[in-house]
Protein backbone atom coordinates (compact mmCIF):
# COMPACT_ATOMS: atom_id res chain seq x y z
CA UNK A 1 -34.60 -50.55 7.88
CA UNK A 2 -37.09 -50.62 10.82
CA UNK A 3 -37.78 -54.22 10.22
CA UNK A 4 -34.16 -54.99 10.01
CA UNK A 5 -33.54 -53.50 13.34
CA UNK A 6 -36.54 -54.32 15.58
CA UNK A 7 -34.62 -57.50 16.71
CA UNK A 8 -32.32 -55.39 18.61
CA UNK A 9 -35.14 -53.99 20.61
CA UNK A 10 -37.45 -55.55 22.98
CA UNK A 11 -40.82 -57.16 21.67
CA UNK A 12 -44.42 -56.09 22.02
CA UNK A 13 -46.22 -55.28 25.37
CA UNK A 14 -48.34 -57.46 27.48
CA UNK A 15 -48.90 -58.33 31.01
CA UNK A 16 -45.72 -60.41 31.41
CA UNK A 17 -43.62 -57.65 29.85
CA UNK A 18 -45.20 -55.05 32.26
CA UNK A 19 -44.75 -57.16 35.26
CA UNK A 20 -41.13 -57.82 34.44
CA UNK A 21 -40.62 -54.16 33.76
CA UNK A 22 -42.07 -53.12 37.01
CA UNK A 23 -39.78 -55.60 38.82
CA UNK A 24 -36.76 -54.40 36.93
CA UNK A 25 -37.59 -50.65 38.00
CA UNK A 26 -37.64 -51.89 41.62
CA UNK A 27 -34.47 -53.91 41.25
CA UNK A 28 -32.68 -50.97 39.57
CA UNK A 29 -33.75 -48.58 42.22
CA UNK A 30 -32.42 -50.77 44.98
CA UNK A 31 -29.01 -51.09 43.29
CA UNK A 32 -26.57 -48.24 44.03
CA UNK A 33 -24.72 -47.04 40.83
CA UNK A 34 -21.13 -48.42 40.38
CA UNK A 35 -18.49 -48.16 37.81
CA UNK A 36 -19.14 -51.95 36.68
CA UNK A 37 -21.02 -54.97 37.29
CA UNK A 38 -18.09 -56.17 39.44
CA UNK A 39 -20.39 -57.06 42.26
CA UNK A 40 -21.76 -59.76 40.19
CA UNK A 41 -18.51 -61.40 39.57
CA UNK A 42 -17.48 -64.42 41.70
CA UNK A 43 -14.57 -66.71 42.21
CA UNK A 44 -16.36 -69.26 39.93
CA UNK A 45 -14.42 -67.76 37.14
CA UNK A 46 -10.86 -66.26 37.22
CA UNK A 47 -10.86 -62.66 37.11
CA UNK A 48 -8.42 -62.81 34.10
CA UNK A 49 -11.08 -64.62 31.90
CA UNK A 50 -13.46 -61.60 32.28
CA UNK A 51 -13.04 -58.47 29.96
CA UNK A 52 -12.62 -55.27 32.07
CA UNK A 53 -14.05 -51.96 31.02
CA UNK A 54 -13.49 -49.87 28.98
CA UNK A 55 -13.13 -52.39 26.06
CA UNK A 56 -12.22 -51.47 22.59
CA UNK A 57 -11.59 -53.92 19.65
CA UNK A 58 -8.43 -54.10 17.48
CA UNK A 59 -8.83 -50.87 15.15
CA UNK A 60 -7.78 -53.08 12.21
CA UNK A 61 -11.03 -55.19 12.33
CA UNK A 62 -13.16 -52.04 11.85
CA UNK A 63 -14.32 -50.81 8.48
CA UNK A 64 -14.79 -47.29 9.71
CA UNK A 65 -13.96 -45.46 12.90
CA UNK A 66 -16.11 -46.11 15.93
CA UNK A 67 -18.71 -43.41 16.53
CA UNK A 68 -17.97 -41.04 19.45
CA UNK A 69 -20.31 -40.75 22.32
CA UNK A 70 -21.67 -37.42 21.13
CA UNK A 71 -22.46 -38.92 17.65
CA UNK A 72 -24.30 -41.83 19.47
CA UNK A 73 -26.37 -39.54 21.68
CA UNK A 74 -27.17 -37.41 18.52
CA UNK A 75 -28.18 -40.32 16.32
CA UNK A 76 -31.52 -39.74 14.65
CA UNK A 77 -32.14 -43.30 13.74
CA UNK A 78 -33.28 -44.81 17.10
CA UNK A 79 -35.74 -47.62 17.67
CA UNK A 80 -38.46 -48.22 20.21
CA UNK A 81 -37.68 -50.36 23.30
CA UNK A 82 -39.89 -51.22 26.36
CA UNK A 83 -38.16 -48.77 28.67
CA UNK A 84 -37.85 -45.06 28.63
CA UNK A 85 -34.88 -43.45 26.85
CA UNK A 86 -33.16 -42.63 30.22
CA UNK A 87 -33.12 -46.34 30.88
CA UNK A 88 -32.30 -47.81 27.31
CA UNK A 89 -31.82 -46.68 23.76
CA UNK A 90 -31.08 -48.50 20.69
CA UNK A 91 -29.62 -46.57 17.66
CA UNK A 92 -28.09 -47.27 14.06
CA UNK A 93 -25.09 -44.93 13.85
CA UNK A 94 -23.21 -44.17 10.60
CA UNK A 95 -25.18 -46.74 8.96
CA UNK A 96 -23.00 -49.55 10.22
CA UNK A 97 -23.06 -49.80 13.94
CA UNK A 98 -25.80 -50.93 16.29
CA UNK A 99 -25.33 -49.09 19.74
CA UNK A 100 -27.13 -49.94 22.81
CA UNK A 101 -26.82 -47.68 25.67
CA UNK A 102 -28.41 -47.18 29.03
CA UNK A 103 -28.51 -48.16 32.71
CA UNK A 104 -28.46 -51.40 34.49
CA UNK A 105 -30.47 -53.77 34.39
CA UNK A 106 -31.83 -52.70 31.02
CA UNK A 107 -28.38 -52.65 29.30
CA UNK A 108 -25.86 -55.05 30.78
CA UNK A 109 -22.20 -55.77 30.46
CA UNK A 110 -23.45 -59.45 30.29
CA UNK A 111 -24.29 -58.99 26.59
CA UNK A 112 -20.96 -57.75 25.84
CA UNK A 113 -19.31 -60.58 27.65
CA UNK A 114 -21.52 -63.07 25.76
CA UNK A 115 -20.56 -61.44 22.44
CA UNK A 116 -16.88 -61.50 23.24
CA UNK A 117 -17.20 -65.28 24.08
CA UNK A 118 -19.11 -66.02 20.92
CA UNK A 119 -16.55 -64.12 18.70
CA UNK A 120 -14.22 -67.12 19.42
CA UNK A 121 -16.62 -69.11 17.29
CA UNK A 122 -17.15 -67.43 13.94
CA UNK A 123 -19.56 -70.02 12.67
CA UNK A 124 -22.09 -68.73 15.41
CA UNK A 125 -23.55 -65.75 13.66
CA UNK A 126 -23.73 -63.40 16.53
CA UNK A 127 -22.74 -59.51 16.06
CA UNK A 128 -19.27 -58.74 16.91
CA UNK A 129 -18.76 -56.62 19.95
CA UNK A 130 -16.60 -53.53 18.93
CA UNK A 131 -16.60 -51.51 22.23
CA UNK A 132 -18.01 -51.44 25.71
CA UNK A 133 -17.59 -48.70 28.21
CA UNK A 134 -19.27 -46.33 30.62
CA UNK A 135 -19.53 -42.52 30.42
CA UNK A 136 -19.21 -40.29 33.45
CA UNK A 137 -23.01 -40.66 34.20
CA UNK A 138 -22.27 -44.36 34.56
CA UNK A 139 -24.26 -45.03 31.30
CA UNK A 140 -23.03 -48.27 29.60
CA UNK A 141 -22.41 -48.08 25.85
CA UNK A 142 -22.35 -51.39 23.62
CA UNK A 143 -21.11 -50.65 20.21
CA UNK A 144 -21.92 -53.71 18.00
CA UNK A 145 -21.68 -54.83 14.42
CA UNK A 146 -24.69 -54.11 12.31
CA UNK A 147 -26.11 -57.37 11.00
CA UNK A 148 -28.44 -57.15 7.91
CA UNK A 149 -31.68 -59.05 7.70
CA UNK A 150 -35.30 -58.89 8.90
CA UNK A 151 -36.52 -60.44 12.05
CA UNK A 152 -37.94 -63.89 11.42
CA UNK A 153 -41.13 -62.93 13.52
CA UNK A 154 -42.15 -60.45 10.68
CA UNK A 155 -41.93 -62.97 7.89
CA UNK A 156 -42.88 -66.29 9.50
CA UNK A 157 -46.56 -66.53 8.60
CA UNK A 158 -45.71 -65.98 4.85
CA UNK A 159 -42.89 -68.62 4.62
CA UNK A 160 -43.37 -72.12 3.03
CA UNK A 161 -42.96 -75.25 4.79
CA UNK A 162 -39.72 -75.76 2.87
CA UNK A 163 -38.40 -72.36 4.06
CA UNK A 164 -39.37 -73.05 7.69
CA UNK A 165 -37.79 -76.26 7.75
CA UNK A 166 -34.56 -74.73 6.15
CA UNK A 167 -34.36 -71.98 8.83
CA UNK A 168 -35.09 -74.24 11.64
CA UNK A 169 -32.58 -76.75 10.41
CA UNK A 170 -29.93 -73.93 10.22
CA UNK A 171 -30.74 -72.77 13.73
CA UNK A 172 -30.43 -76.32 15.05
CA UNK A 173 -26.86 -76.39 13.58
CA UNK A 174 -26.12 -72.97 15.13
CA UNK A 175 -27.42 -73.84 18.70
CA UNK A 176 -25.65 -77.20 18.47
CA UNK A 177 -22.42 -75.31 18.45
CA UNK A 178 -23.71 -72.75 21.04
CA UNK A 179 -24.00 -75.73 23.28
CA UNK A 180 -20.46 -76.91 22.62
CA UNK A 181 -18.92 -73.86 24.00
CA UNK A 182 -16.88 -75.21 27.15
CA UNK A 183 -18.71 -74.74 30.22
CA UNK A 184 -17.19 -73.72 33.54
CA UNK A 185 -19.49 -76.16 35.22
CA UNK A 186 -21.56 -73.59 37.27
CA UNK A 187 -24.83 -72.01 36.58
CA UNK A 188 -24.33 -68.31 36.11
CA UNK A 189 -24.36 -65.27 33.69
CA UNK A 190 -21.61 -65.26 31.09
CA UNK A 191 -19.15 -63.82 33.36
CA UNK A 192 -19.83 -65.94 36.32
CA UNK A 193 -22.36 -63.70 38.23
CA UNK A 194 -26.11 -63.53 38.71
CA UNK A 195 -28.42 -64.78 36.21
CA UNK A 196 -30.66 -62.52 34.32
CA UNK A 197 -33.81 -64.43 33.76
CA UNK A 198 -36.83 -63.03 35.19
CA UNK A 199 -37.32 -66.11 37.32
CA UNK A 200 -34.14 -65.24 39.34
CA UNK A 201 -34.82 -61.49 39.86
CA UNK A 202 -35.31 -59.89 43.33
CA UNK A 203 -35.72 -56.41 44.55
CA UNK A 204 -32.06 -56.39 45.93
CA UNK A 205 -29.13 -58.50 45.15
CA UNK A 206 -29.79 -61.88 46.73
CA UNK A 207 -27.26 -64.71 45.86
CA UNK A 208 -29.51 -67.49 46.94
CA UNK A 209 -32.08 -66.15 44.20
CA UNK A 210 -29.86 -64.52 41.63
CA UNK A 211 -26.92 -66.87 41.68
CA UNK A 212 -24.44 -67.77 40.76
CA UNK A 213 -25.11 -71.53 41.62
CA UNK A 214 -22.34 -74.18 42.13
CA UNK A 215 -24.79 -76.96 41.36
CA UNK A 216 -28.27 -77.66 39.88
CA UNK A 217 -29.96 -78.28 43.12
CA UNK A 218 -29.14 -74.75 44.36
CA UNK A 219 -30.16 -73.42 40.79
CA UNK A 220 -33.68 -75.19 41.09
CA UNK A 221 -34.10 -74.21 44.85
CA UNK A 222 -33.56 -70.53 43.92
CA UNK A 223 -36.97 -70.54 41.97
CA UNK A 224 -38.71 -71.98 45.14
CA UNK A 225 -36.97 -69.26 47.39
CA UNK A 226 -38.08 -66.64 44.86
CA UNK A 227 -41.67 -67.91 45.02
CA UNK A 228 -41.71 -68.07 48.80
CA UNK A 229 -40.44 -64.49 49.05
CA UNK A 230 -43.26 -63.24 46.67
CA UNK A 231 -46.08 -64.98 48.55
CA UNK A 232 -44.70 -64.10 52.04
CA UNK A 233 -44.16 -60.49 51.10
CA UNK A 234 -47.92 -60.37 50.10
CA UNK A 235 -49.07 -61.88 53.42
CA UNK A 236 -50.19 -65.17 51.91
CA UNK A 237 -49.35 -68.78 52.76
CA UNK A 238 -46.67 -70.20 50.38
CA UNK A 239 -48.43 -73.38 49.32
CA UNK A 240 -46.96 -73.50 45.85
CA UNK A 241 -43.54 -72.63 47.13
CA UNK A 242 -43.61 -75.52 49.58
CA UNK A 243 -44.45 -77.76 46.51
CA UNK A 244 -41.54 -76.30 44.64
CA UNK A 245 -39.05 -76.69 47.68
CA UNK A 246 -40.23 -80.46 47.92
CA UNK A 247 -39.95 -81.28 44.30
CA UNK A 248 -37.91 -78.86 42.06
CA UNK A 249 -34.46 -80.13 43.34
CA UNK A 250 -35.23 -83.84 42.65
CA UNK A 251 -37.32 -83.44 39.41
CA UNK A 252 -34.91 -81.03 37.94
CA UNK A 253 -31.56 -82.73 38.14
CA UNK A 254 -28.91 -84.37 36.34
CA UNK A 255 -28.52 -81.58 33.64
CA UNK A 256 -25.24 -80.36 32.59
CA UNK A 257 -24.29 -76.52 32.46
CA UNK A 258 -24.41 -75.38 28.78
CA UNK A 259 -24.24 -71.89 27.22
CA UNK A 260 -27.71 -70.76 26.57
CA UNK A 261 -29.27 -67.71 24.67
CA UNK A 262 -32.22 -67.74 27.08
CA UNK A 263 -34.35 -65.55 24.82
CA UNK A 264 -34.64 -67.56 21.58
CA UNK A 265 -37.67 -65.90 20.10
CA UNK A 266 -38.28 -65.32 16.38
CA UNK A 267 -37.70 -61.61 16.87
CA UNK A 268 -34.09 -62.24 17.88
CA UNK A 269 -33.35 -64.26 14.61
CA UNK A 270 -32.46 -62.23 11.50
CA UNK A 271 -33.09 -63.86 8.07
CA UNK A 272 -32.59 -62.88 4.52
CA UNK A 273 -33.15 -64.42 1.09
CA UNK A 274 -30.46 -66.23 -0.71
CA UNK A 275 -27.75 -65.67 1.90
CA UNK A 276 -26.51 -66.77 5.24
CA UNK A 277 -24.38 -65.16 7.84
CA UNK A 278 -21.25 -64.81 5.68
CA UNK A 279 -22.69 -62.66 2.89
CA UNK A 280 -25.87 -60.75 4.30
CA UNK A 281 -28.26 -62.09 1.61
CA UNK A 282 -31.32 -60.05 0.36
CA UNK A 283 -34.90 -59.43 0.92
CA UNK A 284 -35.62 -59.71 -2.79
CA UNK A 285 -38.20 -62.51 -3.48
CA UNK A 286 -36.23 -63.50 -6.54
CA UNK A 287 -33.13 -64.04 -4.60
CA UNK A 288 -33.76 -67.59 -3.41
CA UNK A 289 -34.70 -69.35 -0.12
CA UNK A 290 -34.40 -67.74 3.23
CA UNK A 291 -31.23 -68.04 5.43
CA UNK A 292 -30.28 -67.00 8.83
CA UNK A 293 -27.99 -63.89 9.03
CA UNK A 294 -27.72 -63.43 12.75
CA UNK A 295 -28.98 -64.35 16.31
CA UNK A 296 -29.24 -61.16 18.32
CA UNK A 297 -30.01 -59.95 21.83
CA UNK A 298 -27.70 -62.06 24.00
CA UNK A 299 -28.24 -59.97 27.08
CA UNK A 300 -29.71 -62.80 29.16
CA UNK A 301 -27.24 -65.30 28.01
CA UNK A 302 -25.27 -67.48 30.36
CA UNK A 303 -24.73 -70.95 31.69
CA UNK A 304 -27.85 -72.68 32.39
CA UNK A 305 -29.11 -76.32 32.78
CA UNK A 306 -29.41 -78.14 29.17
CA UNK A 307 -33.16 -78.15 29.44
CA UNK A 308 -33.29 -74.39 29.86
CA UNK A 309 -33.20 -73.18 26.16
CA UNK A 310 -36.22 -75.28 25.33
CA UNK A 311 -38.26 -75.05 28.63
CA UNK A 312 -37.81 -71.15 29.23
CA UNK A 313 -39.07 -70.65 25.66
CA UNK A 314 -42.02 -73.14 26.13
CA UNK A 315 -43.42 -71.26 29.18
CA UNK A 316 -44.04 -68.15 27.02
CA UNK A 317 -45.41 -69.96 23.94
CA UNK A 318 -48.64 -68.51 22.75
CA UNK A 319 -49.81 -71.64 20.79
CA UNK A 320 -51.34 -69.78 18.01
CA UNK A 321 -49.24 -71.14 15.06
CA UNK A 322 -46.72 -73.81 14.26
CA UNK A 323 -43.69 -72.10 15.94
CA UNK A 324 -43.84 -74.44 19.12
CA UNK A 325 -43.65 -77.46 17.01
CA UNK A 326 -40.85 -76.07 14.66
CA UNK A 327 -38.93 -75.01 17.83
CA UNK A 328 -38.54 -78.68 18.66
CA UNK A 329 -36.35 -78.88 15.54
CA UNK A 330 -33.93 -76.20 16.89
CA UNK A 331 -33.22 -77.54 20.43
CA UNK A 332 -34.00 -80.91 22.00
CA UNK A 333 -37.55 -80.80 23.48
CA UNK A 334 -37.71 -81.42 27.18
CA UNK A 335 -41.45 -81.56 27.82
CA UNK A 336 -41.40 -82.84 31.54
CA UNK A 337 -38.94 -80.01 32.47
CA UNK A 338 -40.89 -77.58 30.47
CA UNK A 339 -44.21 -78.48 32.05
CA UNK A 340 -42.93 -78.00 35.62
CA UNK A 341 -41.27 -74.80 34.55
CA UNK A 342 -44.46 -73.64 33.10
CA UNK A 343 -45.93 -73.94 36.74
CA UNK A 344 -43.20 -71.91 38.11
CA UNK A 345 -43.97 -69.27 35.51
CA UNK A 346 -47.48 -69.19 36.52
CA UNK A 347 -46.54 -68.85 40.13
CA UNK A 348 -43.77 -66.26 39.60
CA UNK A 349 -45.51 -64.23 37.09
CA UNK A 350 -48.86 -64.25 38.58
CA UNK A 351 -50.81 -65.90 35.84
């Protein structure tokens, strides 16, 4: 069961993760608690298209009553994350609900909005959102469908070439559908507010860095502005920032806004033997080939340039196995954009 649920938690540690975690701490400390993420919504999307909290699904779709907040807090099957419990927890409740709960930015309404959007496309195997609400302490709760399977990251090394090609082919079909979700034509999170990728973080809400952005030029320039703020706050001449300001808006141009997962790692893909998303499959070696049962962790999802799914994954590739090569079978490779974004990552993350 632990293997099946790891994909709902953050991955392992490392310098990048510690850096991002520290920046998130600063960001969270600078944002005053509110009853919603309403500050992030803009006129780029009509308010009527954004689900307001509290949200509860139609009870007829449930196989069992939703757990109470008390049952969630008392759940004894919880799973490790890269944040303290007071910031984020993930639990299996009643054996059939996955619940994320915590405070912004570790747990975000954006994931709930993404799941509600994807629910309109049943062939995309994302968990269904059953409820999203805040308690009196302003802690956000996301109650989601439990999806069976084991993270692709835990079985990848033991897969045959045939199974790897089958899984990546299935993921290619899934993400072709994701990219066909009608776009509002802006670059933003799912609900039309600030982007959640770490390249667009700042220590306080700053629209020219966080977004949303009406065009790709503003999107690209945001990374240059973020770089400049970092260097100037440290007392250094922003040489790399000046390069970004001169070239990012012209080098990264001509891309449409498409719906993007923005964290397409193997740990966020659940697989099982002999069955796809419709039937859950099995982990039994005699059950047949591996199939995708779910793609999870949509908290960073939003409307990004068409190159972003590939390039944002590329910048964090470790290059110690065949995953980077197989990834090119899932989304269209954009090596030029990815190479430039790798330079941005080096500058923003500091290595």
